[in-house]
């Protein structure tokens, strides 16, 4: 009996030590985990698809938490040996800004599609009838929804979501935790990708823009030769038909333009990281 009591006492003491060790380990990893979650959270807030309002906040939070637990073992060698809670809180802004910058650059690329859709809608007169999107709780256009869906299908089809995660993982090697400083390369990358997104939007809408100019010239000629014809009413209907026809002909061939824009966006991200 005494031996049994001694054995049980030793087992309880060993269990207490293991519990204390586990609690100490968890407290040691918490600041690093918070920093990793901050960088991932910044990406989720600003990135295309992930930052959509249609995705509930709880799902986003669960994704950030799960991804942070997966990434933490790979990041731990680059984290300082002793990171206090105060240091983690002060460095959180920089970590969020890193992820947010990557997501913002890629989101600007996606806005090039909406810019093209707005240009085409204005030329055809569809901008006068916006549609309310209940998932986003905002007004949008039919063309914007169609072209945005095509963009995201191409983005997923070429593995853009995996490339986005890889870019974020590369940041932990190039910009270790608590070492972020805003460099001019981030501003240059944002300016470059914004210019590229506008150029991409104009290129995507160029078939309709050119056709609209030619139609305006033809309708102006008809109004001079046949003043009795109601050019305004006929021209509006013809522009809508022309928009539908050009979209049907060119929508299947715009994947190369979208792929070039996505590649340029990721190149801008990596250029910013290399300079950061």
Protein backbone atom coordinates (compact mmCIF):
# COMPACT_ATOMS: atom_id res chain seq x y z
CA UNK A 1 0.00 0.00 0.00
CA UNK A 2 2.69 2.60 0.81
CA UNK A 3 4.39 1.79 -2.50
CA UNK A 4 1.12 2.35 -4.35
CA UNK A 5 0.61 5.72 -2.67
CA UNK A 6 4.17 6.78 -3.49
CA UNK A 7 3.69 5.73 -7.11
CA UNK A 8 0.39 7.61 -7.43
CA UNK A 9 1.97 10.69 -5.85
CA UNK A 10 4.82 10.61 -8.36
CA UNK A 11 2.38 10.20 -11.24
CA UNK A 12 0.32 13.20 -10.08
CA UNK A 13 3.47 15.32 -9.68
CA UNK A 14 4.65 14.33 -13.17
CA UNK A 15 1.25 15.24 -14.62
CA UNK A 16 1.40 18.65 -12.91
CA UNK A 17 4.84 19.30 -14.39
CA UNK A 18 3.65 18.32 -17.87
CA UNK A 19 0.62 20.57 -17.52
CA UNK A 20 2.81 23.47 -16.40
CA UNK A 21 5.19 22.81 -19.29
CA UNK A 22 2.31 22.70 -21.78
CA UNK A 23 0.86 25.95 -20.45
CA UNK A 24 4.29 27.61 -20.63
CA UNK A 25 4.78 26.38 -24.19
CA UNK A 26 1.39 27.71 -25.23
CA UNK A 27 2.10 31.10 -23.67
CA UNK A 28 5.47 31.18 -25.45
CA UNK A 29 3.88 30.48 -28.85
CA UNK A 30 0.88 32.81 -28.45
CA UNK A 31 2.67 36.07 -29.46
CA UNK A 32 4.14 34.42 -32.57
CA UNK A 33 0.75 32.92 -33.41
CA UNK A 34 -0.89 36.32 -33.07
CA UNK A 35 1.65 37.88 -35.46
CA UNK A 36 1.11 35.15 -38.04
CA UNK A 37 -2.65 35.57 -37.72
CA UNK A 38 -2.24 39.31 -38.23
CA UNK A 39 -0.42 38.82 -41.52
CA UNK A 40 -2.93 36.22 -42.71
CA UNK A 41 -5.84 38.37 -41.56
CA UNK A 42 -4.56 41.34 -43.56
CA UNK A 43 -4.53 39.18 -46.68
CA UNK A 44 -8.04 37.84 -46.05
CA UNK A 45 -9.44 41.34 -45.55
CA UNK A 46 -8.12 42.75 -48.84
CA UNK A 47 -7.60 39.78 -51.17
CA UNK A 48 -9.97 38.99 -54.03
CA UNK A 49 -12.44 36.18 -53.33
CA UNK A 50 -11.32 35.85 -49.70
CA UNK A 51 -12.26 39.44 -48.91
CA UNK A 52 -15.73 39.17 -50.45
CA UNK A 53 -18.62 40.32 -48.30
CA UNK A 54 -20.49 37.20 -49.37
CA UNK A 55 -18.20 35.09 -47.15
CA UNK A 56 -19.29 35.24 -43.47
CA UNK A 57 -16.85 36.72 -40.98
CA UNK A 58 -16.88 33.53 -38.89
CA UNK A 59 -15.64 31.50 -41.85
CA UNK A 60 -12.89 34.03 -42.51
CA UNK A 61 -11.82 33.94 -38.87
CA UNK A 62 -11.80 30.13 -38.86
CA UNK A 63 -9.70 30.12 -42.02
CA UNK A 64 -7.18 32.57 -40.55
CA UNK A 65 -6.90 30.57 -37.33
CA UNK A 66 -6.49 27.23 -39.10
CA UNK A 67 -3.98 28.58 -41.61
CA UNK A 68 -1.98 30.26 -38.83
CA UNK A 69 -1.69 26.98 -36.93
CA UNK A 70 -0.44 25.27 -40.10
CA UNK A 71 2.05 28.02 -40.95
CA UNK A 72 3.36 28.55 -37.40
CA UNK A 73 5.83 25.59 -37.34
CA UNK A 74 7.43 26.86 -40.57
CA UNK A 75 7.65 30.41 -39.24
CA UNK A 76 8.97 29.66 -35.76
CA UNK A 77 12.68 29.50 -36.82
CA UNK A 78 12.43 33.11 -38.07
CA UNK A 79 10.64 34.41 -34.97
CA UNK A 80 12.83 35.97 -32.25
CA UNK A 81 13.49 33.65 -29.32
CA UNK A 82 11.52 35.73 -26.84
CA UNK A 83 8.59 37.74 -28.14
CA UNK A 84 6.62 39.48 -25.44
CA UNK A 85 2.96 40.35 -25.69
CA UNK A 86 3.84 44.06 -25.85
CA UNK A 87 6.20 43.49 -28.80
CA UNK A 88 3.55 41.41 -30.56
CA UNK A 89 0.95 44.14 -30.16
CA UNK A 90 3.26 46.87 -31.46
CA UNK A 91 4.35 44.72 -34.40
CA UNK A 92 0.81 43.67 -35.28
CA UNK A 93 0.22 46.76 -37.43
CA UNK A 94 3.19 45.95 -39.64
CA UNK A 95 2.14 42.31 -40.00
CA UNK A 96 -1.40 43.28 -40.97
CA UNK A 97 -0.03 45.80 -43.47
CA UNK A 98 2.08 43.14 -45.20
CA UNK A 99 -0.89 40.85 -45.84
CA UNK A 100 -3.15 43.78 -46.67
CA UNK A 101 -0.66 45.10 -49.26
CA UNK A 102 -0.54 41.75 -51.07
CA UNK A 103 -4.32 41.49 -51.10
CA UNK A 104 -4.72 45.10 -52.23
CA UNK A 105 -2.37 44.65 -55.20
CA UNK A 106 -4.32 41.61 -56.40
CA UNK A 107 -7.67 43.32 -55.77
CA UNK A 108 -6.60 46.28 -57.92
CA UNK A 109 -5.97 43.81 -60.75
CA UNK A 110 -9.51 42.48 -60.32
CA UNK A 111 -10.96 46.00 -60.46
CA UNK A 112 -9.64 46.27 -64.02
CA UNK A 113 -12.47 43.93 -65.05
CA UNK A 114 -15.07 46.11 -63.33
CA UNK A 115 -13.53 49.18 -64.99
CA UNK A 116 -13.90 47.53 -68.41
CA UNK A 117 -17.49 46.52 -67.66
CA UNK A 118 -18.34 50.08 -66.58
CA UNK A 119 -16.83 51.49 -69.78
CA UNK A 120 -18.86 49.11 -71.93
CA UNK A 121 -22.03 49.69 -69.92
CA UNK A 122 -21.73 53.47 -70.28
CA UNK A 123 -21.27 53.21 -74.03
CA UNK A 124 -24.34 50.97 -74.37
CA UNK A 125 -26.46 52.91 -71.88
CA UNK A 126 -26.70 50.04 -69.39
CA UNK A 127 -25.20 52.17 -66.62
CA UNK A 128 -28.62 53.83 -66.31
CA UNK A 129 -30.08 50.60 -64.89
CA UNK A 130 -27.86 49.21 -62.12
CA UNK A 131 -28.81 45.99 -60.36
CA UNK A 132 -28.81 45.52 -56.59
CA UNK A 133 -26.63 42.61 -55.47
CA UNK A 134 -27.98 41.29 -52.14
CA UNK A 135 -24.83 39.24 -51.44
CA UNK A 136 -22.62 42.34 -51.56
CA UNK A 137 -25.32 44.76 -50.35
CA UNK A 138 -24.48 47.23 -53.11
CA UNK A 139 -25.48 48.21 -56.64
CA UNK A 140 -23.66 46.62 -59.54
CA UNK A 141 -24.09 46.06 -63.27
CA UNK A 142 -24.93 42.93 -65.21
CA UNK A 143 -21.72 43.21 -67.20
CA UNK A 144 -19.71 43.71 -64.04
CA UNK A 145 -21.07 40.48 -62.57
CA UNK A 146 -20.44 38.51 -65.77
CA UNK A 147 -16.88 39.72 -66.29
CA UNK A 148 -16.02 39.43 -62.61
CA UNK A 149 -17.20 35.82 -62.66
CA UNK A 150 -15.04 35.13 -65.72
CA UNK A 151 -12.05 36.77 -64.03
CA UNK A 152 -12.40 34.70 -60.86
CA UNK A 153 -12.92 31.49 -62.84
CA UNK A 154 -9.68 32.16 -64.72
CA UNK A 155 -8.01 33.13 -61.43
CA UNK A 156 -8.99 29.82 -59.84
CA UNK A 157 -8.33 27.84 -63.01
CA UNK A 158 -4.69 28.94 -63.26
CA UNK A 159 -4.11 28.38 -59.54
CA UNK A 160 -4.15 32.02 -58.52
CA UNK A 161 -5.41 31.14 -55.03
CA UNK A 162 -2.43 28.82 -54.49
CA UNK A 163 -0.02 31.41 -55.86
CA UNK A 164 -1.50 33.99 -53.51
CA UNK A 165 -0.86 31.75 -50.51
CA UNK A 166 2.68 31.02 -51.77
CA UNK A 167 3.39 34.75 -52.02
CA UNK A 168 2.25 35.18 -48.44
CA UNK A 169 4.46 32.31 -47.27
CA UNK A 170 7.41 33.88 -49.09
CA UNK A 171 6.94 37.02 -47.04
CA UNK A 172 7.91 35.15 -43.87
CA UNK A 173 11.27 34.28 -45.46
CA UNK A 174 11.92 37.67 -47.07
CA UNK A 175 10.36 39.83 -44.36
CA UNK A 176 10.65 37.99 -41.02
CA UNK A 177 8.22 38.70 -38.22
CA UNK A 178 8.71 42.06 -36.45
CA UNK A 179 11.15 43.32 -39.12
CA UNK A 180 8.73 45.08 -41.47
CA UNK A 181 9.46 48.61 -42.62
CA UNK A 182 7.46 50.39 -45.31
CA UNK A 183 9.68 50.70 -48.36
CA UNK A 184 9.23 52.72 -51.53
CA UNK A 185 8.89 49.46 -53.45
CA UNK A 186 5.38 48.93 -52.07
CA UNK A 187 4.23 52.32 -53.33
CA UNK A 188 5.87 51.71 -56.70
CA UNK A 189 4.18 48.32 -56.96
CA UNK A 190 0.78 49.84 -56.17
CA UNK A 191 1.25 52.58 -58.78
CA UNK A 192 2.45 50.05 -61.35
CA UNK A 193 -0.42 47.64 -60.81
CA UNK A 194 -2.99 50.47 -60.81
CA UNK A 195 -1.71 51.69 -64.18
CA UNK A 196 -1.70 48.13 -65.46
CA UNK A 197 -5.28 47.55 -64.26
CA UNK A 198 -6.54 50.63 -66.11
CA UNK A 199 -4.68 49.59 -69.26
CA UNK A 200 -6.08 46.08 -68.91
CA UNK A 201 -9.61 47.47 -68.57
CA UNK A 202 -9.27 49.64 -71.68
CA UNK A 203 -7.87 46.70 -73.67
CA UNK A 204 -10.72 44.49 -72.52
CA UNK A 205 -13.33 47.08 -73.51
CA UNK A 206 -11.57 48.25 -76.70
CA UNK A 207 -13.68 46.16 -79.17
CA UNK A 208 -16.88 47.77 -77.94
CA UNK A 209 -15.33 51.24 -77.64
CA UNK A 210 -14.09 51.15 -81.24
CA UNK A 211 -17.41 49.76 -82.48
CA UNK A 212 -19.30 52.44 -80.56
CA UNK A 213 -17.26 55.21 -82.17
CA UNK A 214 -17.87 53.75 -85.64
CA UNK A 215 -21.59 53.41 -84.92
CA UNK A 216 -21.76 57.03 -83.74
CA UNK A 217 -20.18 58.13 -87.02
CA UNK A 218 -22.64 56.03 -89.03
CA UNK A 219 -25.63 57.29 -87.04
CA UNK A 220 -24.44 60.87 -87.48
CA UNK A 221 -24.22 60.31 -91.23
CA UNK A 222 -27.74 58.82 -91.28
CA UNK A 223 -29.16 61.72 -89.28
CA UNK A 224 -27.80 64.13 -91.89
CA UNK A 225 -29.08 62.17 -94.87
CA UNK A 226 -32.43 61.12 -93.31
CA UNK A 227 -33.49 63.78 -90.78
CA UNK A 228 -36.94 62.22 -90.38
CA UNK A 229 -35.47 59.07 -88.77
CA UNK A 230 -35.39 58.98 -84.97
CA UNK A 231 -31.66 58.36 -84.63
CA UNK A 232 -31.63 58.57 -80.83
CA UNK A 233 -34.09 55.72 -80.28
CA UNK A 234 -32.68 53.51 -83.01
CA UNK A 235 -29.10 54.19 -81.95
CA UNK A 236 -29.77 53.23 -78.34
CA UNK A 237 -31.30 49.88 -79.34
CA UNK A 238 -28.52 49.18 -81.81
CA UNK A 239 -25.86 49.88 -79.17
CA UNK A 240 -27.44 47.38 -76.79
CA UNK A 241 -27.56 44.74 -79.54
CA UNK A 242 -23.98 45.56 -80.50
CA UNK A 243 -22.88 45.18 -76.87
CA UNK A 244 -24.49 41.75 -76.58
CA UNK A 245 -22.98 40.62 -79.87
CA UNK A 246 -19.46 41.82 -79.06
CA UNK A 247 -19.59 40.34 -75.56
CA UNK A 248 -20.72 37.02 -77.00
CA UNK A 249 -17.88 37.04 -79.53
CA UNK A 250 -15.06 38.24 -77.29
CA UNK A 251 -15.93 36.78 -73.89
CA UNK A 252 -14.39 33.43 -74.75
CA UNK A 253 -11.14 35.03 -75.91
CA UNK A 254 -10.47 37.38 -73.01
CA UNK A 255 -8.79 34.71 -70.88
CA UNK A 256 -5.35 35.60 -72.26
CA UNK A 257 -5.78 39.24 -71.26
CA UNK A 258 -6.95 38.20 -67.81
CA UNK A 259 -4.05 35.77 -67.44
CA UNK A 260 -1.56 38.50 -68.39
CA UNK A 261 -3.11 40.85 -65.82
CA UNK A 262 -2.96 38.19 -63.09
CA UNK A 263 0.67 37.41 -63.92
CA UNK A 264 1.53 41.12 -63.82
CA UNK A 265 -0.15 41.39 -60.43
CA UNK A 266 1.89 38.55 -58.93
CA UNK A 267 5.06 39.97 -60.49
CA UNK A 268 4.29 43.28 -58.79
CA UNK A 269 3.80 41.48 -55.47
CA UNK A 270 7.12 39.66 -55.75
CA UNK A 271 8.85 42.85 -56.87
CA UNK A 272 7.53 44.64 -53.79
CA UNK A 273 8.70 41.80 -51.54
CA UNK A 274 12.14 41.76 -53.14
CA UNK A 275 12.49 45.48 -52.52
CA UNK A 276 10.97 45.26 -49.02
